[in-house]
Protein backbone atom coordinates (compact mmCIF):
# COMPACT_ATOMS: atom_id res chain seq x y z
CA GLY A 1 0.00 0.00 0.00
CA PHE A 2 2.64 2.55 1.02
CA PHE A 3 4.92 1.83 -1.92
CA GLN A 4 2.10 1.80 -4.45
CA THR A 5 0.45 4.97 -3.11
CA ILE A 6 3.67 7.00 -3.28
CA SER A 7 4.53 5.46 -6.64
CA GLU A 8 1.22 6.54 -8.11
CA HIS A 9 1.05 9.99 -6.45
CA PRO A 10 4.55 11.33 -5.70
CA GLU A 11 3.47 14.88 -6.46
CA VAL A 12 0.96 14.77 -3.60
CA PHE A 13 3.60 13.61 -1.12
CA MET A 14 6.06 16.27 -2.33
CA GLN A 15 3.55 18.87 -1.12
CA LEU A 16 3.68 17.67 2.48
CA PRO A 17 5.33 20.07 4.93
CA ASP A 18 8.89 19.22 5.98
CA TRP A 19 7.86 17.97 9.43
CA ALA A 20 5.32 15.55 7.93
CA THR A 21 7.78 14.19 5.38
CA GLU A 22 10.48 13.77 8.01
CA GLY A 23 8.05 11.88 10.25
CA LEU A 24 6.93 9.68 7.38
CA ILE A 25 10.49 8.88 6.34
CA GLU A 26 11.54 8.09 9.90
CA SER A 27 8.52 5.84 10.40
CA LYS A 28 9.31 4.00 7.18
CA ILE A 29 13.01 3.57 7.98
CA ARG A 30 12.15 2.21 11.43
CA THR A 31 10.20 -0.64 9.79
CA ALA A 32 13.41 -1.87 8.13
CA SER A 33 14.53 -3.42 11.41
CA HIS A 34 12.64 -6.07 13.30
CA PRO A 35 14.14 -5.48 16.78
CA GLY A 36 14.65 -1.75 16.12
CA LEU A 37 17.58 0.23 14.80
CA ARG A 38 20.25 1.49 17.16
CA PRO A 39 20.05 5.30 17.47
CA TYR A 40 23.28 5.94 15.54
CA ALA A 41 22.18 3.61 12.72
CA LEU A 42 18.75 5.24 12.50
CA GLU A 43 20.41 8.65 12.33
CA ARG A 44 22.75 7.49 9.57
CA TYR A 45 19.92 6.16 7.43
CA LEU A 46 17.80 9.26 8.00
CA SER A 47 20.64 11.61 7.10
CA ASP A 48 20.42 10.53 3.45
CA TRP A 49 16.84 11.76 3.22
CA ARG A 50 17.18 15.16 4.91
CA GLY A 51 16.87 18.51 3.20
CA VAL A 52 14.99 19.40 0.06
CA GLU A 53 17.12 17.12 -2.12
CA GLY A 54 16.90 14.17 0.25
CA ARG A 55 13.14 14.38 0.66
CA GLY A 56 12.68 14.71 -3.10
CA ALA A 57 14.94 11.70 -3.68
CA PHE A 58 12.92 9.64 -1.18
CA TYR A 59 9.71 10.18 -3.15
CA ARG A 60 11.39 9.87 -6.56
CA GLN A 61 12.75 6.43 -5.71
CA TYR A 62 9.19 5.22 -5.15
CA ALA A 63 7.92 6.91 -8.29
CA GLN A 64 10.67 5.39 -10.43
CA ALA A 65 10.81 1.87 -9.00
CA LYS A 66 8.71 -0.54 -10.99
CA GLU A 67 8.75 -4.32 -10.84
CA ALA A 68 8.56 -4.27 -14.64
CA HIS A 69 12.16 -2.99 -14.62
CA THR A 70 13.34 -6.33 -13.24
CA GLU A 71 10.95 -8.57 -15.17
CA VAL A 72 13.00 -8.15 -18.36
CA PHE A 73 15.95 -10.10 -16.95
CA GLN A 74 14.23 -12.55 -14.59
CA GLU A 75 14.23 -15.32 -17.17
CA ARG A 76 18.04 -15.07 -17.31
CA LEU A 77 18.53 -15.67 -13.59
CA ALA A 78 18.40 -19.48 -13.85
CA ALA A 79 21.34 -19.45 -16.25
CA MET A 80 23.69 -17.53 -13.96
CA SER A 81 27.02 -19.30 -13.72
CA ILE A 82 28.42 -17.49 -10.68
CA PRO A 83 27.65 -18.68 -7.15
CA VAL A 84 24.66 -16.90 -5.63
CA ARG A 85 23.60 -16.85 -2.01
CA ILE A 86 20.23 -15.29 -1.16
CA ILE A 87 20.13 -14.16 2.47
CA TRP A 88 16.83 -12.83 3.79
CA GLY A 89 15.43 -11.53 7.05
CA GLN A 90 12.50 -13.67 8.20
CA GLU A 91 10.68 -10.59 9.50
CA ASP A 92 11.28 -8.35 6.46
CA GLN A 93 8.36 -5.92 6.25
CA TRP A 94 9.58 -4.29 3.04
CA LEU A 95 10.01 -7.41 0.91
CA PRO A 96 8.36 -10.37 2.62
CA ILE A 97 9.88 -13.83 2.68
CA GLU A 98 7.55 -14.89 -0.16
CA TYR A 99 9.45 -12.50 -2.43
CA ALA A 100 12.71 -14.21 -1.49
CA GLN A 101 11.18 -17.61 -2.13
CA ARG A 102 9.99 -16.48 -5.56
CA LEU A 103 13.48 -15.14 -6.32
CA HIS A 104 14.98 -18.46 -5.21
CA GLY A 105 12.54 -20.27 -7.50
CA LEU A 106 13.99 -18.26 -10.40
CA MET A 107 17.52 -19.23 -9.32
CA PRO A 108 17.22 -22.88 -8.28
CA ARG A 109 21.00 -23.36 -7.95
CA ALA A 110 21.32 -20.45 -5.54
CA GLU A 111 21.82 -21.08 -1.85
CA PHE A 112 18.99 -19.74 0.26
CA ALA A 113 19.31 -18.71 3.89
CA VAL A 114 16.78 -17.07 6.18
CA ILE A 115 17.86 -15.17 9.27
CA GLY A 116 15.25 -15.40 12.00
CA GLY A 117 14.47 -12.29 14.00
CA ALA A 118 15.85 -10.01 11.29
CA GLY A 119 13.99 -7.57 9.11
CA HIS A 120 14.97 -5.90 5.84
CA ALA A 121 18.04 -4.39 7.49
CA VAL A 122 19.66 -7.77 8.14
CA GLN A 123 23.05 -6.07 8.38
CA GLU A 124 21.76 -4.10 11.39
CA ASP A 125 19.54 -6.75 12.98
CA SER A 126 21.90 -9.72 12.85
CA PRO A 127 25.35 -8.69 11.60
CA GLY A 128 27.15 -11.71 13.03
CA GLN A 129 24.84 -14.24 11.43
CA LEU A 130 24.90 -12.33 8.14
CA LEU A 131 28.69 -12.33 8.20
CA SER A 132 28.79 -16.05 8.86
CA TYR A 133 26.61 -16.67 5.77
CA LEU A 134 28.73 -14.31 3.66
CA MET A 135 31.96 -15.99 4.73
CA ALA A 136 30.73 -19.58 4.34
C-alpha cells in the first residue's frame, strides 16, 4: 500500500510540509529493522533523506521503481554461472519472505538462507549471522 500509493502519487507527497515528510520517512526507515535500529544507525539512514534534495529523492525512488524494470531479466537468472547466495530476514516488512522464495525459485541453484528475528536491514539486525553466511 505505502509503496504503491507513493509510486502513483509522488506529487501529492512532495507537497507535504517538511515535518510531515520527516516523520513519514523516519517511520518508514524504522520498519526496516525487526528489533529496532540502534540510534546511531537510524540517524545514519535518515541523514540521506534530509533537506529538500533528500526528501525529493525519497519520493522519486518510489515513483521510479517498478517491478517491470526487473521482469525483463528474470528469465536469465536461472542461467547464472556465478555462485549466488540469497540471504533474507524472516521478518522483512519491506520485501516479505515470499518475495525471497519467488526469487529463489527463479535461481534454483542459488543457496537460500533465512535469518530469523531479522527484518529488511539484516546487516543491522543480525550482523554476526549475516557475516557467517557471507563468509561460508
